[in-house]
């Protein structure tokens, strides 16, 4: 990742995970970076 790269969006993302056999939602802070020539964007 290039240090000069700036995120397109940033904010709270709710990620689903399994805790003790039960599905829960985890709140995480995420940054979305633009896709490059290959067309792949990154979180």
C-alpha atoms as a PDB file:
ATOM      1  CA  UNK A   1       0.000   0.000   0.000  1.00  0.00           C
ATOM      2  CA  UNK A   2       1.339   3.402  -0.992  1.00  0.00           C
ATOM      3  CA  UNK A   3       1.633   5.863   1.936  1.00  0.00           C
ATOM      4  CA  UNK A   4       0.315   8.687  -0.304  1.00  0.00           C
ATOM      5  CA  UNK A   5      -2.913   6.795  -0.987  1.00  0.00           C
ATOM      6  CA  UNK A   6      -6.017   8.343   0.576  1.00  0.00           C
ATOM      7  CA  UNK A   7      -9.202   6.431   1.381  1.00  0.00           C
ATOM      8  CA  UNK A   8     -12.384   7.103  -0.615  1.00  0.00           C
ATOM      9  CA  UNK A   9     -14.640   6.422   2.371  1.00  0.00           C
ATOM     10  CA  UNK A  10     -14.189   5.745   6.058  1.00  0.00           C
ATOM     11  CA  UNK A  11     -16.654   4.888   8.776  1.00  0.00           C
ATOM     12  CA  UNK A  12     -18.261   2.214  10.895  1.00  0.00           C
ATOM     13  CA  UNK A  13     -18.854  -1.184   9.332  1.00  0.00           C
ATOM     14  CA  UNK A  14     -20.936  -3.949  10.921  1.00  0.00           C
ATOM     15  CA  UNK A  15     -19.259  -7.342  10.423  1.00  0.00           C
ATOM     16  CA  UNK A  16     -21.099 -10.580  11.139  1.00  0.00           C
ATOM     17  CA  UNK A  17     -19.248 -13.244  13.151  1.00  0.00           C
ATOM     18  CA  UNK A  18     -20.050 -16.355  15.170  1.00  0.00           C
ATOM     19  CA  UNK A  19     -19.611 -16.253  18.949  1.00  0.00           C
ATOM     20  CA  UNK A  20     -20.390 -19.401  20.964  1.00  0.00           C
ATOM     21  CA  UNK A  21     -22.431 -20.803  18.065  1.00  0.00           C
ATOM     22  CA  UNK A  22     -24.540 -17.627  17.852  1.00  0.00           C
ATOM     23  CA  UNK A  23     -24.319 -15.044  15.065  1.00  0.00           C
ATOM     24  CA  UNK A  24     -23.445 -11.568  16.299  1.00  0.00           C
ATOM     25  CA  UNK A  25     -22.599  -8.229  14.712  1.00  0.00           C
ATOM     26  CA  UNK A  26     -19.236  -6.632  15.442  1.00  0.00           C
ATOM     27  CA  UNK A  27     -18.784  -2.898  14.932  1.00  0.00           C
ATOM     28  CA  UNK A  28     -15.425  -2.036  13.299  1.00  0.00           C
ATOM     29  CA  UNK A  29     -13.895   1.128  11.851  1.00  0.00           C
ATOM     30  CA  UNK A  30     -13.000   0.610   8.177  1.00  0.00           C
ATOM     31  CA  UNK A  31     -11.294   2.547   5.384  1.00  0.00           C
ATOM     32  CA  UNK A  32     -12.184   1.907   1.737  1.00  0.00           C
ATOM     33  CA  UNK A  33      -9.436   2.432  -0.845  1.00  0.00           C
ATOM     34  CA  UNK A  34     -10.105   2.787  -4.568  1.00  0.00           C
ATOM     35  CA  UNK A  35      -9.552  -0.044  -7.007  1.00  0.00           C
ATOM     36  CA  UNK A  36      -6.360  -0.045  -9.026  1.00  0.00           C
ATOM     37  CA  UNK A  37      -5.720  -1.153 -12.611  1.00  0.00           C
ATOM     38  CA  UNK A  38      -6.720  -4.706 -11.645  1.00  0.00           C
ATOM     39  CA  UNK A  39     -10.131  -3.421 -10.479  1.00  0.00           C
ATOM     40  CA  UNK A  40      -9.738  -4.624  -6.870  1.00  0.00           C
ATOM     41  CA  UNK A  41     -10.710  -2.279  -4.023  1.00  0.00           C
ATOM     42  CA  UNK A  42      -9.420  -2.775  -0.481  1.00  0.00           C
ATOM     43  CA  UNK A  43     -10.861  -2.278   3.008  1.00  0.00           C
END
